[in-house]
Amino acid sequence: MPEQHRLYLDQMFGLDVAQTLQIEGYDILRASETGLARADDHQILQKQFLETALLSHLMSILVTG
């Protein structure tokens, strides 16, 4: 099974796009689900970066630990 990554969609993508991607098997998280429905691009990228960095760190601990 290929490695799956979460796609973080900002407010420019509607619910229909997220649902279509989910049907196709993608793991989707929408900005509106994280309280950032009206956030600017910088805030959204910062949150995505922090979550990715944390996830990458936790995965490295689990793999090497």
PDB file of N, CA and C in Angstrom:
ATOM      1  N   MET A   1       0.846  -1.179   0.000  1.00  0.00           N
ATOM      2  CA  MET A   1       0.000   0.000   0.000  1.00  0.00           C
ATOM      3  C   MET A   1       0.894   1.246   0.000  1.00  0.00           C
ATOM      4  N   PRO A   2       0.641   2.206  -0.888  1.00  0.00           N
ATOM      5  CA  PRO A   2       1.476   3.409  -0.927  1.00  0.00           C
ATOM      6  C   PRO A   2       1.269   4.276   0.313  1.00  0.00           C
ATOM      7  N   GLU A   3       2.321   5.003   0.646  1.00  0.00           N
ATOM      8  CA  GLU A   3       2.248   5.917   1.783  1.00  0.00           C
ATOM      9  C   GLU A   3       1.212   6.995   1.486  1.00  0.00           C
ATOM     10  N   GLN A   4       0.369   7.285   2.471  1.00  0.00           N
ATOM     11  CA  GLN A   4      -0.676   8.281   2.265  1.00  0.00           C
ATOM     12  C   GLN A   4      -0.358   9.537   3.069  1.00  0.00           C
ATOM     13  N   HIS A   5      -0.562  10.673   2.443  1.00  0.00           N
ATOM     14  CA  HIS A   5      -0.339  11.956   3.086  1.00  0.00           C
ATOM     15  C   HIS A   5      -1.655  12.698   3.179  1.00  0.00           C
ATOM     16  N   ARG A   6      -1.809  13.468   4.229  1.00  0.00           N
ATOM     17  CA  ARG A   6      -3.017  14.261   4.399  1.00  0.00           C
ATOM     18  C   ARG A   6      -2.925  15.516   3.536  1.00  0.00           C
ATOM     19  N   LEU A   7      -4.010  15.821   2.852  1.00  0.00           N
ATOM     20  CA  LEU A   7      -4.103  17.056   2.078  1.00  0.00           C
ATOM     21  C   LEU A   7      -4.864  18.075   2.908  1.00  0.00           C
ATOM     22  N   TYR A   8      -4.276  19.238   3.055  1.00  0.00           N
ATOM     23  CA  TYR A   8      -4.881  20.314   3.845  1.00  0.00           C
ATOM     24  C   TYR A   8      -5.418  21.350   2.868  1.00  0.00           C
ATOM     25  N   LEU A   9      -6.738  21.466   2.781  1.00  0.00           N
ATOM     26  CA  LEU A   9      -7.370  22.360   1.813  1.00  0.00           C
ATOM     27  C   LEU A   9      -7.798  23.655   2.476  1.00  0.00           C
ATOM     28  N   ASP A  10      -7.476  24.778   1.846  1.00  0.00           N
ATOM     29  CA  ASP A  10      -7.927  26.051   2.389  1.00  0.00           C
ATOM     30  C   ASP A  10      -9.327  26.374   1.890  1.00  0.00           C
ATOM     31  N   GLN A  11      -9.812  27.554   2.238  1.00  0.00           N
ATOM     32  CA  GLN A  11     -11.199  27.918   1.986  1.00  0.00           C
ATOM     33  C   GLN A  11     -11.543  28.091   0.507  1.00  0.00           C
ATOM     34  N   MET A  12     -10.551  28.157  -0.358  1.00  0.00           N
ATOM     35  CA  MET A  12     -10.875  28.311  -1.778  1.00  0.00           C
ATOM     36  C   MET A  12     -11.428  27.023  -2.392  1.00  0.00           C
ATOM     37  N   PHE A  13     -11.239  25.894  -1.699  1.00  0.00           N
ATOM     38  CA  PHE A  13     -11.779  24.625  -2.166  1.00  0.00           C
ATOM     39  C   PHE A  13     -13.084  24.342  -1.436  1.00  0.00           C
ATOM     40  N   GLY A  14     -14.126  24.118  -2.189  1.00  0.00           N
ATOM     41  CA  GLY A  14     -15.426  23.860  -1.597  1.00  0.00           C
ATOM     42  C   GLY A  14     -15.544  22.451  -1.034  1.00  0.00           C
ATOM     43  N   LEU A  15     -16.617  22.254  -0.297  1.00  0.00           N
ATOM     44  CA  LEU A  15     -16.889  20.950   0.294  1.00  0.00           C
ATOM     45  C   LEU A  15     -16.993  19.875  -0.780  1.00  0.00           C
ATOM     46  N   ASP A  16     -17.536  20.225  -1.939  1.00  0.00           N
ATOM     47  CA  ASP A  16     -17.672  19.243  -3.019  1.00  0.00           C
ATOM     48  C   ASP A  16     -16.315  18.720  -3.491  1.00  0.00           C
ATOM     49  N   VAL A  17     -15.319  19.588  -3.531  1.00  0.00           N
ATOM     50  CA  VAL A  17     -13.969  19.165  -3.922  1.00  0.00           C
ATOM     51  C   VAL A  17     -13.396  18.217  -2.871  1.00  0.00           C
ATOM     52  N   ALA A  18     -13.545  18.583  -1.600  1.00  0.00           N
ATOM     53  CA  ALA A  18     -13.040  17.734  -0.517  1.00  0.00           C
ATOM     54  C   ALA A  18     -13.711  16.367  -0.538  1.00  0.00           C
ATOM     55  N   GLN A  19     -15.012  16.347  -0.734  1.00  0.00           N
ATOM     56  CA  GLN A  19     -15.734  15.074  -0.750  1.00  0.00           C
ATOM     57  C   GLN A  19     -15.318  14.205  -1.937  1.00  0.00           C
ATOM     58  N   THR A  20     -15.119  14.827  -3.087  1.00  0.00           N
ATOM     59  CA  THR A  20     -14.671  14.077  -4.264  1.00  0.00           C
ATOM     60  C   THR A  20     -13.300  13.461  -4.018  1.00  0.00           C
ATOM     61  N   LEU A  21     -12.382  14.232  -3.449  1.00  0.00           N
ATOM     62  CA  LEU A  21     -11.047  13.710  -3.153  1.00  0.00           C
ATOM     63  C   LEU A  21     -11.114  12.579  -2.127  1.00  0.00           C
ATOM     64  N   GLN A  22     -11.986  12.725  -1.123  1.00  0.00           N
ATOM     65  CA  GLN A  22     -12.143  11.661  -0.126  1.00  0.00           C
ATOM     66  C   GLN A  22     -12.674  10.378  -0.769  1.00  0.00           C
ATOM     67  N   ILE A  23     -13.631  10.512  -1.667  1.00  0.00           N
ATOM     68  CA  ILE A  23     -14.166   9.351  -2.376  1.00  0.00           C
ATOM     69  C   ILE A  23     -13.058   8.649  -3.156  1.00  0.00           C
ATOM     70  N   GLU A  24     -12.125   9.438  -3.688  1.00  0.00           N
ATOM     71  CA  GLU A  24     -10.995   8.887  -4.439  1.00  0.00           C
ATOM     72  C   GLU A  24      -9.910   8.304  -3.529  1.00  0.00           C
ATOM     73  N   GLY A  25     -10.100   8.411  -2.209  1.00  0.00           N
ATOM     74  CA  GLY A  25      -9.176   7.784  -1.272  1.00  0.00           C
ATOM     75  C   GLY A  25      -8.178   8.709  -0.602  1.00  0.00           C
ATOM     76  N   TYR A  26      -8.284  10.010  -0.839  1.00  0.00           N
ATOM     77  CA  TYR A  26      -7.358  10.959  -0.215  1.00  0.00           C
ATOM     78  C   TYR A  26      -7.804  11.297   1.205  1.00  0.00           C
ATOM     79  N   ASP A  27      -6.830  11.494   2.080  1.00  0.00           N
ATOM     80  CA  ASP A  27      -7.078  11.926   3.455  1.00  0.00           C
ATOM     81  C   ASP A  27      -7.122  13.449   3.436  1.00  0.00           C
ATOM     82  N   ILE A  28      -8.276  14.029   3.693  1.00  0.00           N
ATOM     83  CA  ILE A  28      -8.490  15.466   3.538  1.00  0.00           C
ATOM     84  C   ILE A  28      -8.776  16.114   4.879  1.00  0.00           C
ATOM     85  N   LEU A  29      -8.174  17.260   5.103  1.00  0.00           N
ATOM     86  CA  LEU A  29      -8.506  18.112   6.234  1.00  0.00           C
ATOM     87  C   LEU A  29      -8.732  19.509   5.685  1.00  0.00           C
ATOM     88  N   ARG A  30      -9.890  20.075   5.963  1.00  0.00           N
ATOM     89  CA  ARG A  30     -10.226  21.411   5.455  1.00  0.00           C
ATOM     90  C   ARG A  30      -9.926  22.454   6.514  1.00  0.00           C
ATOM     91  N   ALA A  31      -9.495  23.626   6.085  1.00  0.00           N
ATOM     92  CA  ALA A  31      -9.174  24.720   7.008  1.00  0.00           C
ATOM     93  C   ALA A  31     -10.354  25.024   7.921  1.00  0.00           C
ATOM     94  N   SER A  32     -11.553  24.937   7.385  1.00  0.00           N
ATOM     95  CA  SER A  32     -12.737  25.226   8.200  1.00  0.00           C
ATOM     96  C   SER A  32     -12.914  24.223   9.336  1.00  0.00           C
ATOM     97  N   GLU A  33     -12.362  23.034   9.187  1.00  0.00           N
ATOM     98  CA  GLU A  33     -12.452  22.023  10.241  1.00  0.00           C
ATOM     99  C   GLU A  33     -11.460  22.281  11.372  1.00  0.00           C
ATOM    100  N   THR A  34     -10.515  23.179  11.143  1.00  0.00           N
ATOM    101  CA  THR A  34      -9.501  23.476  12.155  1.00  0.00           C
ATOM    102  C   THR A  34      -9.636  24.889  12.715  1.00  0.00           C
ATOM    103  N   GLY A  35     -10.768  25.536  12.395  1.00  0.00           N
ATOM    104  CA  GLY A  35     -10.994  26.887  12.897  1.00  0.00           C
ATOM    105  C   GLY A  35     -10.321  27.969  12.081  1.00  0.00           C
ATOM    106  N   LEU A  36      -9.846  27.637  10.877  1.00  0.00           N
ATOM    107  CA  LEU A  36      -9.131  28.612  10.057  1.00  0.00           C
ATOM    108  C   LEU A  36      -9.889  28.958   8.769  1.00  0.00           C
ATOM    109  N   ALA A  37     -11.203  28.922   8.822  1.00  0.00           N
ATOM    110  CA  ALA A  37     -12.006  29.173   7.623  1.00  0.00           C
ATOM    111  C   ALA A  37     -11.760  30.559   7.035  1.00  0.00           C
ATOM    112  N   ARG A  38     -11.421  31.522   7.851  1.00  0.00           N
ATOM    113  CA  ARG A  38     -11.191  32.886   7.362  1.00  0.00           C
ATOM    114  C   ARG A  38      -9.735  33.319   7.490  1.00  0.00           C
ATOM    115  N   ALA A  39      -8.852  32.357   7.666  1.00  0.00           N
ATOM    116  CA  ALA A  39      -7.436  32.664   7.844  1.00  0.00           C
ATOM    117  C   ALA A  39      -6.794  33.049   6.514  1.00  0.00           C
ATOM    118  N   ASP A  40      -5.732  33.831   6.606  1.00  0.00           N
ATOM    119  CA  ASP A  40      -4.997  34.161   5.380  1.00  0.00           C
ATOM    120  C   ASP A  40      -4.015  33.029   5.060  1.00  0.00           C
ATOM    121  N   ASP A  41      -3.417  33.102   3.888  1.00  0.00           N
ATOM    122  CA  ASP A  41      -2.520  32.032   3.428  1.00  0.00           C
ATOM    123  C   ASP A  41      -1.378  31.776   4.396  1.00  0.00           C
ATOM    124  N   HIS A  42      -0.818  32.843   4.970  1.00  0.00           N
ATOM    125  CA  HIS A  42       0.312  32.689   5.905  1.00  0.00           C
ATOM    126  C   HIS A  42      -0.103  31.839   7.104  1.00  0.00           C
ATOM    127  N   GLN A  43      -1.268  32.111   7.677  1.00  0.00           N
ATOM    128  CA  GLN A  43      -1.738  31.348   8.833  1.00  0.00           C
ATOM    129  C   GLN A  43      -1.975  29.881   8.472  1.00  0.00           C
ATOM    130  N   ILE A  44      -2.552  29.655   7.317  1.00  0.00           N
ATOM    131  CA  ILE A  44      -2.828  28.285   6.881  1.00  0.00           C
ATOM    132  C   ILE A  44      -1.523  27.530   6.641  1.00  0.00           C
ATOM    133  N   LEU A  45      -0.578  28.150   5.962  1.00  0.00           N
ATOM    134  CA  LEU A  45       0.708  27.495   5.719  1.00  0.00           C
ATOM    135  C   LEU A  45       1.462  27.233   7.015  1.00  0.00           C
ATOM    136  N   GLN A  46       1.378  28.172   7.942  1.00  0.00           N
ATOM    137  CA  GLN A  46       2.053  28.003   9.236  1.00  0.00           C
ATOM    138  C   GLN A  46       1.468  26.800   9.974  1.00  0.00           C
ATOM    139  N   LYS A  47       0.156  26.685  10.017  1.00  0.00           N
ATOM    140  CA  LYS A  47      -0.469  25.552  10.694  1.00  0.00           C
ATOM    141  C   LYS A  47      -0.094  24.244  10.017  1.00  0.00           C
ATOM    142  N   GLN A  48      -0.156  24.227   8.690  1.00  0.00           N
ATOM    143  CA  GLN A  48       0.184  23.017   7.947  1.00  0.00           C
ATOM    144  C   GLN A  48       1.637  22.638   8.202  1.00  0.00           C
ATOM    145  N   PHE A  49       2.532  23.614   8.198  1.00  0.00           N
ATOM    146  CA  PHE A  49       3.953  23.350   8.435  1.00  0.00           C
ATOM    147  C   PHE A  49       4.167  22.788   9.836  1.00  0.00           C
ATOM    148  N   LEU A  50       3.544  23.395  10.831  1.00  0.00           N
ATOM    149  CA  LEU A  50       3.713  22.926  12.204  1.00  0.00           C
ATOM    150  C   LEU A  50       3.189  21.512  12.377  1.00  0.00           C
ATOM    151  N   GLU A  51       2.041  21.218  11.804  1.00  0.00           N
ATOM    152  CA  GLU A  51       1.488  19.871  11.918  1.00  0.00           C
ATOM    153  C   GLU A  51       2.361  18.858  11.183  1.00  0.00           C
ATOM    154  N   THR A  52       2.857  19.212  10.008  1.00  0.00           N
ATOM    155  CA  THR A  52       3.720  18.314   9.250  1.00  0.00           C
ATOM    156  C   THR A  52       5.025  18.080   9.988  1.00  0.00           C
ATOM    157  N   ALA A  53       5.607  19.133  10.543  1.00  0.00           N
ATOM    158  CA  ALA A  53       6.861  19.005  11.278  1.00  0.00           C
ATOM    159  C   ALA A  53       6.666  18.119  12.503  1.00  0.00           C
ATOM    160  N   LEU A  54       5.560  18.298  13.221  1.00  0.00           N
ATOM    161  CA  LEU A  54       5.287  17.487  14.394  1.00  0.00           C
ATOM    162  C   LEU A  54       5.069  16.034  13.999  1.00  0.00           C
ATOM    163  N   LEU A  55       4.293  15.802  12.962  1.00  0.00           N
ATOM    164  CA  LEU A  55       4.040  14.443  12.506  1.00  0.00           C
ATOM    165  C   LEU A  55       5.338  13.779  12.060  1.00  0.00           C
ATOM    166  N   SER A  56       6.172  14.501  11.316  1.00  0.00           N
ATOM    167  CA  SER A  56       7.447  13.945  10.855  1.00  0.00           C
ATOM    168  C   SER A  56       8.336  13.591  12.039  1.00  0.00           C
ATOM    169  N   HIS A  57       8.357  14.444  13.056  1.00  0.00           N
ATOM    170  CA  HIS A  57       9.172  14.201  14.241  1.00  0.00           C
ATOM    171  C   HIS A  57       8.671  12.959  14.984  1.00  0.00           C
ATOM    172  N   LEU A  58       7.350  12.863  15.167  1.00  0.00           N
ATOM    173  CA  LEU A  58       6.793  11.716  15.865  1.00  0.00           C
ATOM    174  C   LEU A  58       7.056  10.422  15.104  1.00  0.00           C
ATOM    175  N   MET A  59       6.941  10.478  13.774  1.00  0.00           N
ATOM    176  CA  MET A  59       7.202   9.288  12.978  1.00  0.00           C
ATOM    177  C   MET A  59       8.669   8.866  13.084  1.00  0.00           C
ATOM    178  N   SER A  60       9.577   9.834  13.116  1.00  0.00           N
ATOM    179  CA  SER A  60      10.996   9.467  13.233  1.00  0.00           C
ATOM    180  C   SER A  60      11.280   8.830  14.585  1.00  0.00           C
ATOM    181  N   ILE A  61      10.609   9.274  15.632  1.00  0.00           N
ATOM    182  CA  ILE A  61      10.769   8.665  16.958  1.00  0.00           C
ATOM    183  C   ILE A  61      10.247   7.231  16.936  1.00  0.00           C
ATOM    184  N   LEU A  62       9.080   7.033  16.344  1.00  0.00           N
ATOM    185  CA  LEU A  62       8.501   5.693  16.303  1.00  0.00           C
ATOM    186  C   LEU A  62       9.343   4.729  15.465  1.00  0.00           C
ATOM    187  N   VAL A  63       9.880   5.221  14.360  1.00  0.00           N
ATOM    188  CA  VAL A  63      10.648   4.353  13.477  1.00  0.00           C
ATOM    189  C   VAL A  63      12.003   4.009  14.082  1.00  0.00           C
ATOM    190  N   THR A  64      12.665   4.986  14.703  1.00  0.00           N
ATOM    191  CA  THR A  64      14.006   4.747  15.241  1.00  0.00           C
ATOM    192  C   THR A  64      13.990   4.337  16.701  1.00  0.00           C
ATOM    193  N   GLY A  65      12.865   4.595  17.392  1.00  0.00           N
ATOM    194  CA  GLY A  65      12.764   4.337  18.815  1.00  0.00           C
ATOM    195  C   GLY A  65      12.664   2.906  19.120  1.00  0.00           C
TER     196      GLY A  65
END
